[in-house]
N, C-alpha and C. Protein backbone atom coordinates (compact mmCIF):
# COMPACT_ATOMS: atom_id res chain seq x y z
N MET A 1 -6.90 -8.61 -23.39
CA MET A 1 -7.94 -7.49 -23.23
C MET A 1 -6.92 -6.11 -22.82
N GLU A 2 -7.04 -5.33 -23.26
CA GLU A 2 -6.39 -4.19 -22.78
C GLU A 2 -7.26 -3.34 -21.47
N ARG A 3 -6.34 -3.15 -20.95
CA ARG A 3 -6.69 -2.47 -18.93
C ARG A 3 -6.73 -1.10 -18.94
N SER A 4 -7.76 -0.56 -18.40
CA SER A 4 -7.96 0.91 -18.19
C SER A 4 -6.98 1.42 -16.89
N MET A 5 -6.52 2.90 -17.42
CA MET A 5 -5.24 3.15 -16.21
C MET A 5 -6.25 4.34 -15.40
N ALA A 6 -5.83 3.82 -14.26
CA ALA A 6 -6.77 4.88 -13.52
C ALA A 6 -5.46 5.88 -13.54
N VAL A 7 -6.10 7.24 -13.03
CA VAL A 7 -4.98 8.39 -12.77
C VAL A 7 -5.33 9.10 -11.91
N GLU A 8 -4.70 9.82 -10.93
CA GLU A 8 -4.97 10.20 -10.08
C GLU A 8 -6.01 9.83 -9.03
N ARG A 9 -5.95 8.37 -8.86
CA ARG A 9 -6.94 7.57 -8.08
C ARG A 9 -6.50 7.34 -6.54
N ALA A 10 -4.96 7.32 -6.59
CA ALA A 10 -4.29 6.86 -5.43
C ALA A 10 -2.97 7.79 -5.22
N VAL A 11 -2.74 7.78 -3.99
CA VAL A 11 -1.97 8.94 -3.78
C VAL A 11 -0.86 8.21 -2.85
N VAL A 12 0.56 8.87 -2.92
CA VAL A 12 1.59 7.99 -2.06
C VAL A 12 2.04 9.37 -1.28
N MET A 13 1.78 9.23 0.31
CA MET A 13 1.99 10.24 0.60
C MET A 13 3.77 10.65 1.01
N ALA A 14 4.36 9.59 1.04
CA ALA A 14 5.95 10.39 0.88
C ALA A 14 7.06 9.05 -0.12
N CYS A 15 7.98 9.76 -0.55
CA CYS A 15 8.88 8.94 -1.94
C CYS A 15 9.22 7.81 -1.29
N GLU A 16 9.42 7.76 -0.02
CA GLU A 16 9.88 6.27 0.74
C GLU A 16 8.55 5.33 1.06
N ASP A 17 7.35 5.72 1.18
CA ASP A 17 6.74 4.93 1.33
C ASP A 17 6.40 3.61 0.83
N ASN A 18 6.23 2.04 1.25
CA ASN A 18 5.72 1.05 0.31
C ASN A 18 4.59 0.68 0.36
N VAL A 19 3.53 1.64 0.32
CA VAL A 19 1.91 1.51 0.23
C VAL A 19 1.50 2.78 -0.41
N VAL A 20 0.06 2.97 -1.40
CA VAL A 20 -0.34 3.83 -1.55
C VAL A 20 -1.89 3.81 -1.22
N THR A 21 -2.66 4.95 -0.92
CA THR A 21 -3.71 4.94 -0.52
C THR A 21 -4.72 5.50 -1.76
N ALA A 22 -5.73 4.25 -1.48
CA ALA A 22 -6.96 4.84 -2.65
C ALA A 22 -7.62 6.06 -2.17
N ILE A 23 -7.83 7.09 -3.22
CA ILE A 23 -8.60 8.12 -3.06
C ILE A 23 -9.76 7.95 -3.40
N CYS A 24 -10.88 6.96 -4.03
CA CYS A 24 -11.97 6.39 -4.52
C CYS A 24 -11.77 4.63 -4.46
N ASP A 25 -12.82 4.42 -4.37
CA ASP A 25 -12.86 3.03 -4.64
C ASP A 25 -12.29 2.49 -5.91
N LEU A 26 -11.22 1.14 -6.11
CA LEU A 26 -10.73 0.66 -6.95
C LEU A 26 -10.93 -0.39 -7.32
N PRO A 27 -11.27 -1.14 -8.23
CA PRO A 27 -11.56 -2.62 -8.76
C PRO A 27 -10.27 -3.40 -8.72
N ALA A 28 -10.23 -4.57 -8.72
CA ALA A 28 -9.21 -5.53 -8.86
C ALA A 28 -9.39 -5.52 -10.17
N GLY A 29 -7.92 -5.81 -10.70
CA GLY A 29 -7.24 -5.59 -12.09
C GLY A 29 -7.17 -4.42 -13.01
N GLU A 30 -7.44 -3.27 -11.69
CA GLU A 30 -7.41 -1.90 -12.19
C GLU A 30 -5.81 -1.52 -12.73
N MET A 31 -5.18 -0.81 -13.52
CA MET A 31 -3.55 -0.36 -13.69
C MET A 31 -3.87 0.98 -12.87
N VAL A 32 -3.26 1.22 -11.60
CA VAL A 32 -3.33 2.33 -11.44
C VAL A 32 -1.96 3.21 -11.07
N ARG A 33 -1.76 4.56 -11.78
CA ARG A 33 -0.89 4.99 -12.34
C ARG A 33 -0.25 5.86 -10.83
N ILE A 34 1.22 5.57 -10.39
CA ILE A 34 1.37 6.01 -9.17
C ILE A 34 2.32 7.58 -9.65
N SER A 35 3.01 7.68 -10.76
CA SER A 35 3.52 8.54 -11.12
C SER A 35 3.79 8.26 -12.40
N GLU A 36 4.45 9.61 -13.46
CA GLU A 36 5.05 9.00 -14.61
C GLU A 36 5.37 7.83 -15.10
N GLU A 37 6.57 7.01 -14.03
CA GLU A 37 6.74 5.70 -14.72
C GLU A 37 6.54 4.89 -13.85
N GLU A 38 5.78 4.94 -12.69
CA GLU A 38 5.26 3.78 -11.79
C GLU A 38 3.92 3.49 -11.67
N ARG A 39 3.52 2.22 -12.17
CA ARG A 39 1.87 1.80 -12.33
C ARG A 39 2.15 0.54 -11.26
N VAL A 40 0.88 0.13 -11.13
CA VAL A 40 0.73 -0.71 -10.04
C VAL A 40 -0.83 -1.45 -10.46
N GLU A 41 -1.12 -2.65 -10.96
CA GLU A 41 -1.86 -3.50 -11.45
C GLU A 41 -2.80 -4.05 -9.89
N LEU A 42 -3.60 -3.73 -9.18
CA LEU A 42 -4.69 -4.21 -8.62
C LEU A 42 -4.56 -5.67 -8.33
N ARG A 43 -4.27 -6.36 -7.28
CA ARG A 43 -4.61 -8.04 -7.01
C ARG A 43 -6.22 -7.91 -6.34
N ASP A 44 -6.23 -6.89 -5.79
CA ASP A 44 -7.71 -7.24 -4.82
C ASP A 44 -8.17 -5.42 -5.03
N PRO A 45 -9.74 -5.85 -4.72
CA PRO A 45 -10.84 -4.33 -4.53
C PRO A 45 -9.83 -3.55 -3.52
N ILE A 46 -10.17 -2.38 -3.82
CA ILE A 46 -9.44 -1.43 -2.63
C ILE A 46 -10.46 -0.44 -2.62
N ALA A 47 -10.99 -0.35 -1.44
CA ALA A 47 -11.91 0.79 -1.01
C ALA A 47 -11.05 1.75 -0.70
N PHE A 48 -11.62 2.83 -0.91
CA PHE A 48 -11.43 4.32 -0.93
C PHE A 48 -10.74 4.74 0.85
N GLY A 49 -9.50 5.19 0.86
CA GLY A 49 -9.13 5.44 2.31
C GLY A 49 -8.10 4.26 2.39
N HIS A 50 -8.18 3.00 1.90
CA HIS A 50 -7.68 1.89 2.29
C HIS A 50 -6.29 2.12 1.16
N LYS A 51 -5.12 0.91 1.72
CA LYS A 51 -3.88 0.96 1.13
C LYS A 51 -3.70 -0.01 0.55
N PHE A 52 -2.89 -0.25 -0.56
CA PHE A 52 -2.41 -1.30 -1.67
C PHE A 52 -0.94 -1.22 -1.74
N ALA A 53 -0.07 -2.32 -1.68
CA ALA A 53 1.35 -2.61 -1.60
C ALA A 53 1.95 -1.48 -2.87
N ARG A 54 2.60 -1.21 -2.93
CA ARG A 54 3.48 -0.24 -3.94
C ARG A 54 4.37 -1.45 -4.93
N THR A 55 5.11 -1.99 -3.68
CA THR A 55 6.10 -2.67 -4.14
C THR A 55 6.08 -3.93 -3.40
N ALA A 56 6.60 -5.09 -3.77
CA ALA A 56 6.51 -6.52 -2.53
C ALA A 56 7.01 -5.95 -1.32
N ILE A 57 6.18 -6.37 -0.10
CA ILE A 57 6.57 -6.49 1.02
C ILE A 57 6.73 -7.32 1.87
N PRO A 58 8.51 -8.11 1.83
CA PRO A 58 8.30 -9.39 2.48
C PRO A 58 7.83 -9.77 4.29
N LYS A 59 7.47 -10.60 4.90
CA LYS A 59 6.78 -10.85 5.83
C LYS A 59 7.99 -10.45 6.58
N GLY A 60 7.47 -9.84 7.54
CA GLY A 60 8.34 -9.05 8.61
C GLY A 60 8.84 -7.77 8.58
N THR A 61 9.11 -7.27 6.77
CA THR A 61 9.25 -6.09 6.83
C THR A 61 8.15 -5.35 7.47
N TYR A 62 8.48 -3.63 7.54
CA TYR A 62 8.05 -2.74 8.06
C TYR A 62 7.13 -2.09 6.88
N ILE A 63 5.83 -1.77 7.11
CA ILE A 63 4.96 -1.19 6.25
C ILE A 63 4.92 0.38 6.29
N VAL A 64 5.23 1.20 5.54
CA VAL A 64 5.80 2.60 5.66
C VAL A 64 4.76 3.46 5.12
N LYS A 65 4.09 4.55 5.60
CA LYS A 65 3.12 5.60 4.90
C LYS A 65 3.83 6.78 5.90
N TYR A 66 3.54 7.54 5.03
CA TYR A 66 4.03 9.10 5.37
C TYR A 66 5.40 9.30 5.79
N GLY A 67 5.83 8.38 5.08
CA GLY A 67 7.48 8.27 5.38
C GLY A 67 7.94 7.85 6.78
N ALA A 68 6.87 6.97 7.60
CA ALA A 68 6.89 6.15 8.99
C ALA A 68 6.16 5.08 9.07
N ARG A 69 6.96 4.28 10.10
CA ARG A 69 6.61 2.68 10.27
C ARG A 69 5.44 2.56 10.60
N ILE A 70 4.35 2.21 10.44
CA ILE A 70 2.90 2.26 10.48
C ILE A 70 2.46 0.83 11.04
N GLY A 71 3.37 -0.16 10.73
CA GLY A 71 3.18 -1.69 11.29
C GLY A 71 4.61 -2.61 10.68
N ARG A 72 4.21 -4.05 10.46
CA ARG A 72 5.01 -4.91 10.16
C ARG A 72 4.08 -6.02 9.05
N ALA A 73 4.37 -6.58 8.17
CA ALA A 73 3.66 -7.52 7.33
C ALA A 73 3.75 -8.57 8.03
N THR A 74 2.32 -9.49 8.16
CA THR A 74 2.61 -10.43 8.46
C THR A 74 2.53 -12.30 7.91
N SER A 75 2.72 -11.47 6.28
CA SER A 75 2.98 -12.36 5.12
C SER A 75 3.34 -11.48 4.41
N ASN A 76 4.19 -12.47 3.25
CA ASN A 76 4.43 -11.75 2.04
C ASN A 76 3.36 -11.06 1.42
N ILE A 77 3.46 -9.44 0.95
CA ILE A 77 2.46 -8.84 0.21
C ILE A 77 3.10 -8.69 -1.17
N ARG A 78 2.23 -8.89 -2.03
CA ARG A 78 2.70 -8.88 -3.84
C ARG A 78 2.22 -7.21 -4.12
N PRO A 79 2.83 -6.48 -5.06
CA PRO A 79 2.39 -5.50 -5.34
C PRO A 79 1.02 -5.14 -5.69
N GLY A 80 0.22 -4.35 -5.42
CA GLY A 80 -1.13 -4.60 -5.69
C GLY A 80 -2.01 -5.14 -4.62
N GLU A 81 -1.64 -5.61 -3.76
CA GLU A 81 -2.44 -6.45 -2.66
C GLU A 81 -2.92 -5.42 -1.81
N HIS A 82 -4.07 -5.80 -1.27
CA HIS A 82 -4.62 -4.85 0.00
C HIS A 82 -3.85 -4.82 1.15
N VAL A 83 -3.31 -3.74 1.64
CA VAL A 83 -2.46 -3.88 3.12
C VAL A 83 -3.54 -3.33 4.10
N HIS A 84 -3.95 -4.61 5.27
CA HIS A 84 -4.97 -3.70 5.81
C HIS A 84 -4.27 -4.99 7.12
N ILE A 85 -5.67 -4.97 8.00
CA ILE A 85 -5.45 -5.76 9.35
C ILE A 85 -4.96 -7.14 9.07
N HIS A 86 -5.75 -8.18 8.00
CA HIS A 86 -5.55 -9.32 8.02
C HIS A 86 -4.06 -9.61 7.33
N ASN A 87 -3.18 -8.61 7.10
CA ASN A 87 -1.36 -8.80 6.86
C ASN A 87 -0.71 -8.12 6.96
N VAL A 88 -1.17 -7.15 8.42
CA VAL A 88 -0.42 -6.31 8.92
C VAL A 88 -0.41 -6.15 10.51
N GLN A 89 0.92 -6.50 11.18
CA GLN A 89 0.62 -6.36 12.70
C GLN A 89 0.84 -5.41 13.25
N ASP A 90 0.30 -4.42 13.97
CA ASP A 90 0.39 -3.08 14.77
C ASP A 90 1.82 -3.35 15.50
N ILE A 91 2.28 -2.12 15.20
CA ILE A 91 3.41 -1.51 16.37
C ILE A 91 3.77 -0.66 16.72
N VAL A 92 2.29 -0.27 17.19
CA VAL A 92 2.21 1.20 18.01
C VAL A 92 3.07 1.07 19.28
N ASP A 93 3.02 0.06 20.37
CA ASP A 93 3.79 -0.29 21.50
C ASP A 93 5.59 0.12 20.90
N GLU A 94 5.76 -0.62 19.85
CA GLU A 94 7.22 -0.75 19.50
C GLU A 94 7.95 1.32 18.79
N VAL A 95 6.83 1.47 18.61
CA VAL A 95 7.07 2.76 17.92
C VAL A 95 7.19 3.89 18.96
N ARG A 96 6.15 3.64 19.96
CA ARG A 96 6.00 4.39 21.27
C ARG A 96 7.47 4.45 22.26
N ARG A 97 8.04 2.89 22.41
CA ARG A 97 9.02 2.64 22.81
C ARG A 97 10.56 3.26 21.94
N ASP A 98 10.72 2.98 20.80
CA ASP A 98 11.45 3.68 20.29
C ASP A 98 11.54 4.92 20.22
N ALA A 99 10.64 5.78 20.37
CA ALA A 99 10.43 7.56 20.41
C ALA A 99 10.88 8.03 21.74
N ARG A 100 11.23 6.94 22.70
CA ARG A 100 11.71 7.83 24.20
C ARG A 100 12.92 7.93 24.47
């Protein structure tokens, strides 16, 4: 079964980001084009504005968006999986402490 290819339906904010943001609702199984060379098949449905993993993100690794650390993975996250509060630890206090 051939899968459709979503074009410009998600955006990477900075080249070092390990997550991608959906700019519309995306169904599980959709192949999302990230760049000319990069595509990710979604393992979960992703709602508008939500993030999914661009690459494998091991447990304990930082979630990076806008080129900045925004959280820490609480479990192994596979490419195309939803990245949200169910698998991300808040690191606001850590980021504030490091900024001093």
